[in-house]
Amino acid sequence: MANRIKGITIEIGGDTTKLDKALAGTNKTLNNTQKQLRDVEKLLKLDPGNTELLAQKQRLLAESVEATSEKLETLRQAAENADRALQRGNEYKAAYEPLKNQLDDVNASMQALEANAESMKRKLDAGEISTSQYDTFARKLDDTRKRANDLEKAIEDVNQEFSGAKIDQKQYDALQRELVETEQAAKDAAKEFEEFNVTTQKFSAAAGQVAAGAGKIQAA
């Protein structure tokens, strides 16, 4: 899921940040907790009544619930500003793409003119073209370079105007999917923790009854 949200810039708590970086610590905790849980589960299959392992599992399940809840809260904060970020992203795209397309065309023309510059100079020196023809070529090259610089400046202005949180439709959809999956993961983690506690309590109660019965027999 980390790759899904990679590159998304969003506003969280008034600060603009990369969403994957905002979740890095929580995801690391979750991954580590899940790894430890798998190890404990393997050991419990060999020794189901090990109280130390049961205590570790209970602690790890609680940590999983907490970390998943933290991730969910971060995603919810991001989602609150997602609509505005999407609008900014669409406005940025509408302003940026025409300029970028023009710049690509101008750069292609400029490269072609620059590639002919030495050839035109040789033709001028050899008398194959007139000074007027060469001057016309030189002006066209200068105008093309100036146009490229103007477009680069315009793109720079657009980037500055729309700096901050902005996402495209694909990123918006990815954020929504991540939110839904994390909401379900939070429910599953809480359910697993609750069920484990109930099972552990029943196990402890049964163990207590066995111990009490053994005590009565011994007393008799």
C-alpha atoms as a PDB file:
ATOM      1  CA  MET A   1       0.000   0.000   0.000  1.00  0.00           C
ATOM      2  CA  ALA A   2       2.978   2.285   0.500  1.00  0.00           C
ATOM      3  CA  ASN A   3       3.597   2.489  -3.254  1.00  0.00           C
ATOM      4  CA  ARG A   4      -0.024   3.463  -3.801  1.00  0.00           C
ATOM      5  CA  ILE A   5       0.290   6.743  -1.900  1.00  0.00           C
ATOM      6  CA  LYS A   6       3.922   7.478  -2.779  1.00  0.00           C
ATOM      7  CA  GLY A   7       4.337  11.001  -4.120  1.00  0.00           C
ATOM      8  CA  ILE A   8       1.050  12.328  -2.733  1.00  0.00           C
ATOM      9  CA  THR A   9       1.510  15.785  -1.226  1.00  0.00           C
ATOM     10  CA  ILE A  10      -1.250  16.696   1.196  1.00  0.00           C
ATOM     11  CA  GLU A  11      -2.009  19.137   3.998  1.00  0.00           C
ATOM     12  CA  ILE A  12      -2.097  17.605   7.484  1.00  0.00           C
ATOM     13  CA  GLY A  13      -2.594  19.753  10.542  1.00  0.00           C
ATOM     14  CA  GLY A  14      -1.864  22.908   8.558  1.00  0.00           C
ATOM     15  CA  ASP A  15       1.457  21.590   7.238  1.00  0.00           C
ATOM     16  CA  THR A  16       2.127  20.469   3.675  1.00  0.00           C
ATOM     17  CA  THR A  17       3.904  17.131   3.626  1.00  0.00           C
ATOM     18  CA  LYS A  18       4.448  13.949   1.645  1.00  0.00           C
ATOM     19  CA  LEU A  19       1.836  11.458   2.850  1.00  0.00           C
ATOM     20  CA  ASP A  20       4.147   8.446   2.686  1.00  0.00           C
ATOM     21  CA  LYS A  21       6.656  10.285   4.888  1.00  0.00           C
ATOM     22  CA  ALA A  22       3.935  11.259   7.356  1.00  0.00           C
ATOM     23  CA  LEU A  23       3.027   7.576   7.656  1.00  0.00           C
ATOM     24  CA  ALA A  24       6.589   6.207   7.610  1.00  0.00           C
ATOM     25  CA  GLY A  25       6.942   5.842  11.378  1.00  0.00           C
ATOM     26  CA  THR A  26       3.505   4.274  11.828  1.00  0.00           C
ATOM     27  CA  ASN A  27       3.996   1.845   8.936  1.00  0.00           C
ATOM     28  CA  LYS A  28       7.358   0.808  10.353  1.00  0.00           C
ATOM     29  CA  THR A  29       5.765   0.108  13.733  1.00  0.00           C
ATOM     30  CA  LEU A  30       2.953  -1.880  12.105  1.00  0.00           C
ATOM     31  CA  ASN A  31       5.321  -3.985  10.016  1.00  0.00           C
ATOM     32  CA  ASN A  32       7.519  -4.721  13.018  1.00  0.00           C
ATOM     33  CA  THR A  33       4.512  -5.589  15.187  1.00  0.00           C
ATOM     34  CA  GLN A  34       3.057  -7.929  12.561  1.00  0.00           C
ATOM     35  CA  LYS A  35       6.407  -9.690  12.200  1.00  0.00           C
ATOM     36  CA  GLN A  36       6.642 -10.229  15.957  1.00  0.00           C
ATOM     37  CA  LEU A  37       3.047 -11.472  16.074  1.00  0.00           C
ATOM     38  CA  ARG A  38       3.772 -14.079  13.411  1.00  0.00           C
ATOM     39  CA  ASP A  39       6.761 -15.290  15.425  1.00  0.00           C
ATOM     40  CA  VAL A  40       4.704 -15.509  18.631  1.00  0.00           C
ATOM     41  CA  GLU A  41       1.892 -17.349  16.817  1.00  0.00           C
ATOM     42  CA  LYS A  42       4.343 -20.002  15.605  1.00  0.00           C
ATOM     43  CA  LEU A  43       5.639 -20.523  19.137  1.00  0.00           C
ATOM     44  CA  LEU A  44       2.128 -20.679  20.611  1.00  0.00           C
ATOM     45  CA  LYS A  45       1.260 -23.534  18.271  1.00  0.00           C
ATOM     46  CA  LEU A  46       4.040 -25.493  19.963  1.00  0.00           C
ATOM     47  CA  ASP A  47       3.145 -24.330  23.468  1.00  0.00           C
ATOM     48  CA  PRO A  48      -0.444 -22.968  23.566  1.00  0.00           C
ATOM     49  CA  GLY A  49      -0.516 -22.469  27.322  1.00  0.00           C
ATOM     50  CA  ASN A  50       2.718 -20.500  27.645  1.00  0.00           C
ATOM     51  CA  THR A  51       1.701 -17.514  29.763  1.00  0.00           C
ATOM     52  CA  GLU A  52       4.710 -15.429  28.712  1.00  0.00           C
ATOM     53  CA  LEU A  53       3.905 -15.899  25.029  1.00  0.00           C
ATOM     54  CA  LEU A  54       0.234 -15.121  25.671  1.00  0.00           C
ATOM     55  CA  ALA A  55       1.217 -11.901  27.427  1.00  0.00           C
ATOM     56  CA  GLN A  56       3.465 -10.979  24.488  1.00  0.00           C
ATOM     57  CA  LYS A  57       0.650 -11.598  22.022  1.00  0.00           C
ATOM     58  CA  GLN A  58      -1.731  -9.455  24.066  1.00  0.00           C
ATOM     59  CA  ARG A  59       0.799  -6.606  24.156  1.00  0.00           C
ATOM     60  CA  LEU A  60       1.536  -6.871  20.424  1.00  0.00           C
ATOM     61  CA  LEU A  61      -2.160  -6.917  19.542  1.00  0.00           C
ATOM     62  CA  ALA A  62      -2.646  -3.767  21.616  1.00  0.00           C
ATOM     63  CA  GLU A  63       0.275  -2.101  19.811  1.00  0.00           C
ATOM     64  CA  SER A  64      -1.236  -3.109  16.472  1.00  0.00           C
ATOM     65  CA  VAL A  65      -4.567  -1.515  17.422  1.00  0.00           C
ATOM     66  CA  GLU A  66      -2.822   1.685  18.502  1.00  0.00           C
ATOM     67  CA  ALA A  67      -0.598   1.965  15.405  1.00  0.00           C
ATOM     68  CA  THR A  68      -3.473   1.208  13.021  1.00  0.00           C
ATOM     69  CA  SER A  69      -5.608   3.838  14.754  1.00  0.00           C
ATOM     70  CA  GLU A  70      -2.799   6.391  14.388  1.00  0.00           C
ATOM     71  CA  LYS A  71      -2.486   5.607  10.681  1.00  0.00           C
ATOM     72  CA  LEU A  72      -6.236   5.904  10.234  1.00  0.00           C
ATOM     73  CA  GLU A  73      -6.278   9.296  11.953  1.00  0.00           C
ATOM     74  CA  THR A  74      -3.488  10.590   9.680  1.00  0.00           C
ATOM     75  CA  LEU A  75      -5.327   9.383   6.580  1.00  0.00           C
ATOM     76  CA  ARG A  76      -8.577  10.949   7.782  1.00  0.00           C
ATOM     77  CA  GLN A  77      -6.825  14.287   8.250  1.00  0.00           C
ATOM     78  CA  ALA A  78      -5.380  13.982   4.759  1.00  0.00           C
ATOM     79  CA  ALA A  79      -8.781  13.077   3.314  1.00  0.00           C
ATOM     80  CA  GLU A  80     -10.373  16.165   4.869  1.00  0.00           C
ATOM     81  CA  ASN A  81      -8.221  18.329   2.585  1.00  0.00           C
ATOM     82  CA  ALA A  82      -8.201  15.968  -0.399  1.00  0.00           C
ATOM     83  CA  ASP A  83     -11.036  17.685  -2.282  1.00  0.00           C
ATOM     84  CA  ARG A  84      -9.290  21.050  -2.100  1.00  0.00           C
ATOM     85  CA  ALA A  85      -5.978  19.480  -3.086  1.00  0.00           C
ATOM     86  CA  LEU A  86      -7.645  17.788  -6.069  1.00  0.00           C
ATOM     87  CA  GLN A  87      -9.115  21.093  -7.214  1.00  0.00           C
ATOM     88  CA  ARG A  88      -5.692  22.730  -6.954  1.00  0.00           C
ATOM     89  CA  GLY A  89      -4.197  19.810  -8.835  1.00  0.00           C
ATOM     90  CA  ASN A  90      -6.698  20.189 -11.672  1.00  0.00           C
ATOM     91  CA  GLU A  91      -6.128  23.962 -11.832  1.00  0.00           C
ATOM     92  CA  TYR A  92      -2.366  23.408 -11.856  1.00  0.00           C
ATOM     93  CA  LYS A  93      -2.655  20.848 -14.649  1.00  0.00           C
ATOM     94  CA  ALA A  94      -4.793  23.222 -16.722  1.00  0.00           C
ATOM     95  CA  ALA A  95      -2.224  26.004 -16.331  1.00  0.00           C
ATOM     96  CA  TYR A  96       0.940  23.888 -16.589  1.00  0.00           C
ATOM     97  CA  GLU A  97       0.316  21.449 -19.429  1.00  0.00           C
ATOM     98  CA  PRO A  98      -0.302  24.015 -22.244  1.00  0.00           C
ATOM     99  CA  LEU A  99       2.888  25.852 -21.279  1.00  0.00           C
ATOM    100  CA  LYS A 100       4.847  22.607 -21.100  1.00  0.00           C
ATOM    101  CA  ASN A 101       3.598  21.523 -24.532  1.00  0.00           C
ATOM    102  CA  GLN A 102       4.559  24.888 -26.016  1.00  0.00           C
ATOM    103  CA  LEU A 103       7.992  24.706 -24.396  1.00  0.00           C
ATOM    104  CA  ASP A 104       8.586  21.232 -25.815  1.00  0.00           C
ATOM    105  CA  ASP A 105       7.737  22.474 -29.313  1.00  0.00           C
ATOM    106  CA  VAL A 106       9.904  25.585 -28.950  1.00  0.00           C
ATOM    107  CA  ASN A 107      12.828  23.567 -27.595  1.00  0.00           C
ATOM    108  CA  ALA A 108      12.579  21.188 -30.534  1.00  0.00           C
ATOM    109  CA  SER A 109      12.674  24.140 -32.946  1.00  0.00           C
ATOM    110  CA  MET A 110      15.548  25.742 -31.064  1.00  0.00           C
ATOM    111  CA  GLN A 111      17.612  22.545 -31.150  1.00  0.00           C
ATOM    112  CA  ALA A 112      17.056  22.260 -34.894  1.00  0.00           C
ATOM    113  CA  LEU A 113      18.118  25.886 -35.420  1.00  0.00           C
ATOM    114  CA  GLU A 114      21.173  25.518 -33.191  1.00  0.00           C
ATOM    115  CA  ALA A 115      22.174  22.398 -35.109  1.00  0.00           C
ATOM    116  CA  ASN A 116      22.163  24.492 -38.330  1.00  0.00           C
ATOM    117  CA  ALA A 117      23.950  27.513 -36.853  1.00  0.00           C
ATOM    118  CA  GLU A 118      27.486  26.445 -37.811  1.00  0.00           C
ATOM    119  CA  SER A 119      26.330  25.379 -41.251  1.00  0.00           C
ATOM    120  CA  MET A 120      24.692  28.756 -41.859  1.00  0.00           C
ATOM    121  CA  LYS A 121      27.853  30.543 -40.737  1.00  0.00           C
ATOM    122  CA  ARG A 122      29.958  28.510 -43.158  1.00  0.00           C
ATOM    123  CA  LYS A 123      27.530  29.251 -45.975  1.00  0.00           C
ATOM    124  CA  LEU A 124      27.729  32.963 -45.169  1.00  0.00           C
ATOM    125  CA  ASP A 125      31.528  32.882 -45.165  1.00  0.00           C
ATOM    126  CA  ALA A 126      31.511  30.949 -48.435  1.00  0.00           C
ATOM    127  CA  GLY A 127      29.114  33.409 -50.032  1.00  0.00           C
ATOM    128  CA  GLU A 128      26.434  30.774 -50.486  1.00  0.00           C
ATOM    129  CA  ILE A 129      23.887  32.894 -48.612  1.00  0.00           C
ATOM    130  CA  SER A 130      23.535  36.636 -48.207  1.00  0.00           C
ATOM    131  CA  THR A 131      24.071  38.607 -45.033  1.00  0.00           C
ATOM    132  CA  SER A 132      20.354  39.330 -45.014  1.00  0.00           C
ATOM    133  CA  GLN A 133      19.548  35.624 -45.122  1.00  0.00           C
ATOM    134  CA  TYR A 134      21.969  34.900 -42.315  1.00  0.00           C
ATOM    135  CA  ASP A 135      20.619  37.783 -40.223  1.00  0.00           C
ATOM    136  CA  THR A 136      17.080  36.457 -40.689  1.00  0.00           C
ATOM    137  CA  PHE A 137      18.232  33.032 -39.463  1.00  0.00           C
ATOM    138  CA  ALA A 138      20.070  34.560 -36.482  1.00  0.00           C
ATOM    139  CA  ARG A 139      17.012  36.615 -35.489  1.00  0.00           C
ATOM    140  CA  LYS A 140      14.821  33.534 -35.686  1.00  0.00           C
ATOM    141  CA  LEU A 141      17.246  31.653 -33.424  1.00  0.00           C
ATOM    142  CA  ASP A 142      17.362  34.534 -30.937  1.00  0.00           C
ATOM    143  CA  ASP A 143      13.574  34.855 -30.950  1.00  0.00           C
ATOM    144  CA  THR A 144      13.208  31.115 -30.372  1.00  0.00           C
ATOM    145  CA  ARG A 145      15.634  31.222 -27.446  1.00  0.00           C
ATOM    146  CA  LYS A 146      13.783  34.183 -25.969  1.00  0.00           C
ATOM    147  CA  ARG A 147      10.472  32.369 -26.371  1.00  0.00           C
ATOM    148  CA  ALA A 148      11.911  29.329 -24.574  1.00  0.00           C
ATOM    149  CA  ASN A 149      13.125  31.512 -21.716  1.00  0.00           C
ATOM    150  CA  ASP A 150       9.732  33.219 -21.446  1.00  0.00           C
ATOM    151  CA  LEU A 151       7.954  29.874 -21.306  1.00  0.00           C
ATOM    152  CA  GLU A 152      10.367  28.551 -18.670  1.00  0.00           C
ATOM    153  CA  LYS A 153       9.690  31.650 -16.587  1.00  0.00           C
ATOM    154  CA  ALA A 154       5.928  31.206 -17.024  1.00  0.00           C
ATOM    155  CA  ILE A 155       6.193  27.577 -15.898  1.00  0.00           C
ATOM    156  CA  GLU A 156       8.263  28.657 -12.908  1.00  0.00           C
ATOM    157  CA  ASP A 157       5.564  31.173 -11.979  1.00  0.00           C
ATOM    158  CA  VAL A 158       2.860  28.504 -12.242  1.00  0.00           C
ATOM    159  CA  ASN A 159       4.852  26.115 -10.062  1.00  0.00           C
ATOM    160  CA  GLN A 160       5.269  28.830  -7.477  1.00  0.00           C
ATOM    161  CA  GLU A 161       1.599  29.812  -7.615  1.00  0.00           C
ATOM    162  CA  PHE A 162       0.472  26.225  -7.068  1.00  0.00           C
ATOM    163  CA  SER A 163       3.188  25.188  -4.644  1.00  0.00           C
ATOM    164  CA  GLY A 164       1.907  23.181  -1.713  1.00  0.00           C
ATOM    165  CA  ALA A 165      -0.712  20.470  -1.476  1.00  0.00           C
ATOM    166  CA  LYS A 166      -2.114  19.346  -4.825  1.00  0.00           C
ATOM    167  CA  ILE A 167      -3.057  15.913  -6.137  1.00  0.00           C
ATOM    168  CA  ASP A 168      -4.433  14.483  -9.363  1.00  0.00           C
ATOM    169  CA  GLN A 169      -7.449  12.212  -9.749  1.00  0.00           C
ATOM    170  CA  LYS A 170      -5.363   9.041  -9.630  1.00  0.00           C
ATOM    171  CA  GLN A 171      -3.760  10.104  -6.358  1.00  0.00           C
ATOM    172  CA  TYR A 172      -7.134  11.158  -4.942  1.00  0.00           C
ATOM    173  CA  ASP A 173      -8.587   7.726  -5.697  1.00  0.00           C
ATOM    174  CA  ALA A 174      -5.516   6.031  -4.203  1.00  0.00           C
ATOM    175  CA  LEU A 175      -5.941   7.999  -0.984  1.00  0.00           C
ATOM    176  CA  GLN A 176      -9.596   6.988  -0.731  1.00  0.00           C
ATOM    177  CA  ARG A 177      -8.724   3.308  -1.240  1.00  0.00           C
ATOM    178  CA  GLU A 178      -5.986   3.541   1.373  1.00  0.00           C
ATOM    179  CA  LEU A 179      -8.449   5.107   3.801  1.00  0.00           C
ATOM    180  CA  VAL A 180     -11.059   2.384   3.287  1.00  0.00           C
ATOM    181  CA  GLU A 181      -8.515  -0.407   3.699  1.00  0.00           C
ATOM    182  CA  THR A 182      -7.070   1.153   6.842  1.00  0.00           C
ATOM    183  CA  GLU A 183     -10.534   1.602   8.354  1.00  0.00           C
ATOM    184  CA  GLN A 184     -11.148  -2.108   7.840  1.00  0.00           C
ATOM    185  CA  ALA A 185      -7.695  -2.963   9.200  1.00  0.00           C
ATOM    186  CA  ALA A 186      -8.430  -0.914  12.336  1.00  0.00           C
ATOM    187  CA  LYS A 187     -11.718  -2.786  12.866  1.00  0.00           C
ATOM    188  CA  ASP A 188     -10.012  -6.143  12.338  1.00  0.00           C
ATOM    189  CA  ALA A 189      -7.195  -5.284  14.757  1.00  0.00           C
ATOM    190  CA  ALA A 190      -9.649  -4.173  17.457  1.00  0.00           C
ATOM    191  CA  LYS A 191     -11.781  -7.294  16.936  1.00  0.00           C
ATOM    192  CA  GLU A 192      -8.765  -9.606  17.145  1.00  0.00           C
ATOM    193  CA  PHE A 193      -7.578  -7.911  20.329  1.00  0.00           C
ATOM    194  CA  GLU A 194     -11.029  -8.160  21.925  1.00  0.00           C
ATOM    195  CA  GLU A 195     -11.487 -11.808  20.942  1.00  0.00           C
ATOM    196  CA  PHE A 196      -8.051 -12.675  22.279  1.00  0.00           C
ATOM    197  CA  ASN A 197      -8.848 -11.040  25.609  1.00  0.00           C
ATOM    198  CA  VAL A 198     -12.128 -12.949  25.882  1.00  0.00           C
ATOM    199  CA  THR A 199     -10.387 -16.233  25.063  1.00  0.00           C
ATOM    200  CA  THR A 200      -7.617 -15.514  27.547  1.00  0.00           C
ATOM    201  CA  GLN A 201     -10.121 -14.692  30.290  1.00  0.00           C
ATOM    202  CA  LYS A 202     -11.994 -17.932  29.660  1.00  0.00           C
ATOM    203  CA  PHE A 203      -8.717 -19.844  29.709  1.00  0.00           C
ATOM    204  CA  SER A 204      -7.716 -18.191  32.973  1.00  0.00           C
ATOM    205  CA  ALA A 205     -11.132 -18.889  34.509  1.00  0.00           C
ATOM    206  CA  ALA A 206     -10.956 -22.538  33.482  1.00  0.00           C
ATOM    207  CA  ALA A 207      -7.459 -22.834  34.873  1.00  0.00           C
ATOM    208  CA  GLY A 208      -8.672 -21.288  38.134  1.00  0.00           C
ATOM    209  CA  GLN A 209     -11.539 -23.787  38.391  1.00  0.00           C
ATOM    210  CA  VAL A 210      -9.182 -26.691  37.826  1.00  0.00           C
ATOM    211  CA  ALA A 211      -6.856 -25.354  40.514  1.00  0.00           C
ATOM    212  CA  ALA A 212      -9.774 -24.867  42.919  1.00  0.00           C
ATOM    213  CA  GLY A 213     -11.020 -28.386  42.284  1.00  0.00           C
ATOM    214  CA  ALA A 214      -7.590 -29.810  42.877  1.00  0.00           C
ATOM    215  CA  GLY A 215      -7.422 -27.898  46.156  1.00  0.00           C
ATOM    216  CA  LYS A 216     -10.744 -29.355  47.333  1.00  0.00           C
ATOM    217  CA  ILE A 217      -9.632 -32.878  46.474  1.00  0.00           C
ATOM    218  CA  GLN A 218      -6.388 -32.354  48.327  1.00  0.00           C
ATOM    219  CA  ALA A 219      -8.260 -30.987  51.346  1.00  0.00           C
ATOM    220  CA  ALA A 220     -10.636 -33.955  51.306  1.00  0.00           C
END
